[in-house]
Amino acid sequence: METSPAAPEPASEAVVSVEPAGFWVRAGAYLVDGVILAAAGIGAGFVARGLGMLVGPVYKTIFVSQGGQTPGKMAAGLRVIRADGEAVSVGRALARTAAEYVSMVTLGLGYLAAAFGEKRALHDFIAGTRVVYVDGVSSGRRTLFTVLGVLGFLAPVLGLIAGF
């Protein structure tokens, strides 16, 4: 008796690796998202700028819950996943976005946690998420976003130094 071959499993949109993304490459992706959000605010009226406080959190929540990637993370080849490797729900994406404020109010030290150990920022620990590379991301792309992250960090620091 001949058996028919099993049907192939559907291919996922992008295979996610288990390699965690570090601080600087994440900073580069964050910089790209910041530029996009800043460009969206250009020419907006005063009332629209007041609503701008909602745009960033909504932007992050929607993109992370609908594929695990903001445009900056897409460009860098990064994806946000749950700590167990599953996709991020809307509720978890919202919790992660809200938890970013905790990373900010610690004078940015919550973000710096991504430079060590599991390479998870404080908001990742709070929300039960992690940021990993999408499989196939080239070393050149990783380097580019690492450099962007370093430059994005150094630009305001150098500006402060030049002002003294």
Protein backbone atom coordinates (compact mmCIF):
# COMPACT_ATOMS: atom_id res chain seq x y z
CA MET A 1 0.00 0.00 0.00
CA GLU A 2 1.46 3.27 -1.11
CA THR A 3 1.13 6.34 1.09
CA SER A 4 0.86 9.80 -0.30
CA PRO A 5 3.46 12.33 0.77
CA ALA A 6 2.42 14.69 3.52
CA ALA A 7 1.26 18.09 2.41
CA PRO A 8 3.98 20.70 2.81
CA GLU A 9 3.60 23.07 5.71
CA PRO A 10 2.78 26.64 4.71
CA ALA A 11 5.83 28.87 4.57
CA SER A 12 5.98 31.69 7.06
CA GLU A 13 6.41 35.24 5.81
CA ALA A 14 9.90 35.53 7.26
CA VAL A 15 11.76 32.96 9.24
CA VAL A 16 12.90 34.36 12.55
CA SER A 17 16.21 33.37 14.03
CA VAL A 18 16.84 33.00 17.72
CA GLU A 19 19.82 35.34 17.60
CA PRO A 20 19.06 38.35 19.78
CA ALA A 21 19.69 41.80 18.38
CA GLY A 22 21.98 43.97 20.45
CA PHE A 23 21.76 47.53 21.67
CA TRP A 24 23.40 49.43 18.80
CA VAL A 25 21.56 47.76 15.91
CA ARG A 26 18.29 48.30 17.78
CA ALA A 27 19.28 51.94 18.28
CA GLY A 28 19.77 52.25 14.51
CA ALA A 29 16.27 50.88 13.87
CA TYR A 30 14.91 53.23 16.56
CA LEU A 31 16.58 56.17 14.80
CA VAL A 32 14.88 55.26 11.50
CA ASP A 33 11.50 55.07 13.24
CA GLY A 34 12.20 58.43 14.89
CA VAL A 35 12.94 60.03 11.52
CA ILE A 36 9.71 58.60 10.09
CA LEU A 37 7.67 59.90 13.03
CA ALA A 38 9.37 63.29 12.88
CA ALA A 39 8.73 63.56 9.14
CA ALA A 40 5.05 62.75 9.73
CA GLY A 41 4.86 65.74 12.09
CA ILE A 42 6.34 68.25 9.63
CA GLY A 43 3.82 70.89 8.64
CA ALA A 44 1.24 69.70 11.16
CA GLY A 45 -0.75 72.32 13.04
CA PHE A 46 -0.50 72.92 16.77
CA VAL A 47 -3.53 70.71 17.52
CA ALA A 48 -2.11 67.90 15.39
CA ARG A 49 1.19 68.17 17.26
CA GLY A 50 -0.70 67.72 20.52
CA LEU A 51 -2.07 64.50 19.09
CA GLY A 52 1.46 63.57 18.10
CA MET A 53 1.97 62.17 21.58
CA LEU A 54 -0.40 59.40 20.57
CA VAL A 55 1.05 58.78 17.12
CA GLY A 56 4.31 57.16 18.30
CA PRO A 57 2.67 54.65 20.66
CA VAL A 58 -0.05 53.80 18.12
CA TYR A 59 2.59 53.43 15.38
CA LYS A 60 4.68 51.03 17.48
CA THR A 61 1.71 49.04 18.77
CA ILE A 62 0.15 48.52 15.35
CA PHE A 63 3.36 47.60 13.55
CA VAL A 64 4.66 45.28 16.28
CA SER A 65 1.30 43.50 16.65
CA GLN A 66 0.82 43.11 12.88
CA GLY A 67 4.10 41.44 12.04
CA GLY A 68 6.57 42.21 14.79
CA GLN A 69 8.32 44.99 12.92
CA THR A 70 8.18 48.74 12.76
CA PRO A 71 9.54 50.16 9.50
CA GLY A 72 12.87 50.78 11.26
CA LYS A 73 13.03 47.18 12.42
CA MET A 74 12.04 45.98 8.93
CA ALA A 75 14.92 47.97 7.43
CA ALA A 76 17.35 46.59 10.03
CA GLY A 77 16.12 43.01 9.65
CA LEU A 78 14.80 42.77 13.21
CA ARG A 79 11.58 41.37 14.61
CA VAL A 80 9.87 41.58 18.00
CA ILE A 81 8.62 38.22 19.24
CA ARG A 82 7.32 36.89 22.52
CA ALA A 83 9.95 35.43 24.83
CA ASP A 84 8.66 31.95 23.86
CA GLY A 85 9.15 32.70 20.14
CA GLU A 86 5.50 33.25 19.25
CA ALA A 87 4.04 36.31 17.52
CA VAL A 88 3.18 39.39 19.58
CA SER A 89 -0.52 40.12 20.16
CA VAL A 90 -2.04 43.61 20.15
CA GLY A 91 -2.27 43.57 23.96
CA ARG A 92 1.36 42.54 24.39
CA ALA A 93 2.50 45.10 21.79
CA LEU A 94 0.59 47.81 23.68
CA ALA A 95 2.12 46.65 26.98
CA ARG A 96 5.60 46.73 25.41
CA THR A 97 5.01 50.24 24.08
CA ALA A 98 3.77 51.43 27.48
CA ALA A 99 6.72 49.73 29.19
CA GLU A 100 9.09 51.74 26.99
CA TYR A 101 8.23 54.72 29.16
CA VAL A 102 9.75 52.82 32.09
CA SER A 103 12.92 52.35 30.03
CA MET A 104 12.93 56.10 29.33
CA VAL A 105 12.32 57.36 32.87
CA THR A 106 15.28 55.35 34.12
CA LEU A 107 17.40 57.88 32.19
CA GLY A 108 17.60 55.43 29.32
CA LEU A 109 19.17 52.68 31.41
CA GLY A 110 16.21 50.44 30.59
CA TYR A 111 17.30 50.55 26.94
CA LEU A 112 20.93 49.92 27.86
CA ALA A 113 19.96 46.53 29.31
CA ALA A 114 19.81 45.35 25.67
CA ALA A 115 23.60 45.63 25.53
CA PHE A 116 24.10 42.84 28.05
CA GLY A 117 23.17 39.24 28.79
CA GLU A 118 20.01 38.22 26.96
CA LYS A 119 20.10 41.50 24.99
CA ARG A 120 16.61 42.39 26.18
CA ALA A 121 15.70 45.92 27.20
CA LEU A 122 13.74 46.55 30.39
CA HIS A 123 10.51 46.95 28.41
CA ASP A 124 11.15 43.55 26.77
CA PHE A 125 11.43 41.92 30.20
CA ILE A 126 8.26 43.67 31.38
CA ALA A 127 6.25 42.69 28.27
CA GLY A 128 7.76 39.23 27.84
CA THR A 129 9.24 40.01 24.42
CA ARG A 130 12.62 39.96 22.72
CA VAL A 131 14.07 41.43 19.54
CA VAL A 132 15.81 39.01 17.20
CA TYR A 133 17.28 39.04 13.72
CA VAL A 134 15.19 37.80 10.80
CA ASP A 135 17.10 34.96 9.13
CA GLY A 136 19.26 35.99 6.21
CA VAL A 137 20.16 39.47 7.41
CA SER A 138 23.56 40.28 5.95
CA SER A 139 26.51 41.36 8.04
CA GLY A 140 26.62 44.57 5.98
CA ARG A 141 23.07 45.43 6.97
CA ARG A 142 23.84 44.69 10.62
CA THR A 143 26.90 46.91 10.43
CA LEU A 144 24.99 49.74 8.73
CA PHE A 145 22.34 49.84 11.44
CA THR A 146 24.95 49.50 14.17
CA VAL A 147 26.73 52.55 12.75
CA LEU A 148 23.42 54.43 12.50
CA GLY A 149 22.74 53.60 16.14
CA VAL A 150 26.13 54.86 17.26
CA LEU A 151 25.82 58.05 15.18
CA GLY A 152 22.28 58.62 16.42
CA PHE A 153 23.59 58.41 19.98
CA LEU A 154 26.71 60.49 19.41
CA ALA A 155 25.08 63.34 17.49
CA PRO A 156 23.27 64.87 20.49
CA VAL A 157 26.18 64.09 22.82
CA LEU A 158 28.62 65.86 20.49
CA GLY A 159 26.14 68.73 20.17
CA LEU A 160 26.07 69.12 23.95
CA ILE A 161 29.86 69.03 24.14
CA ALA A 162 30.16 71.62 21.37
CA GLY A 163 27.73 73.87 23.25
CA PHE A 164 29.97 74.06 26.34
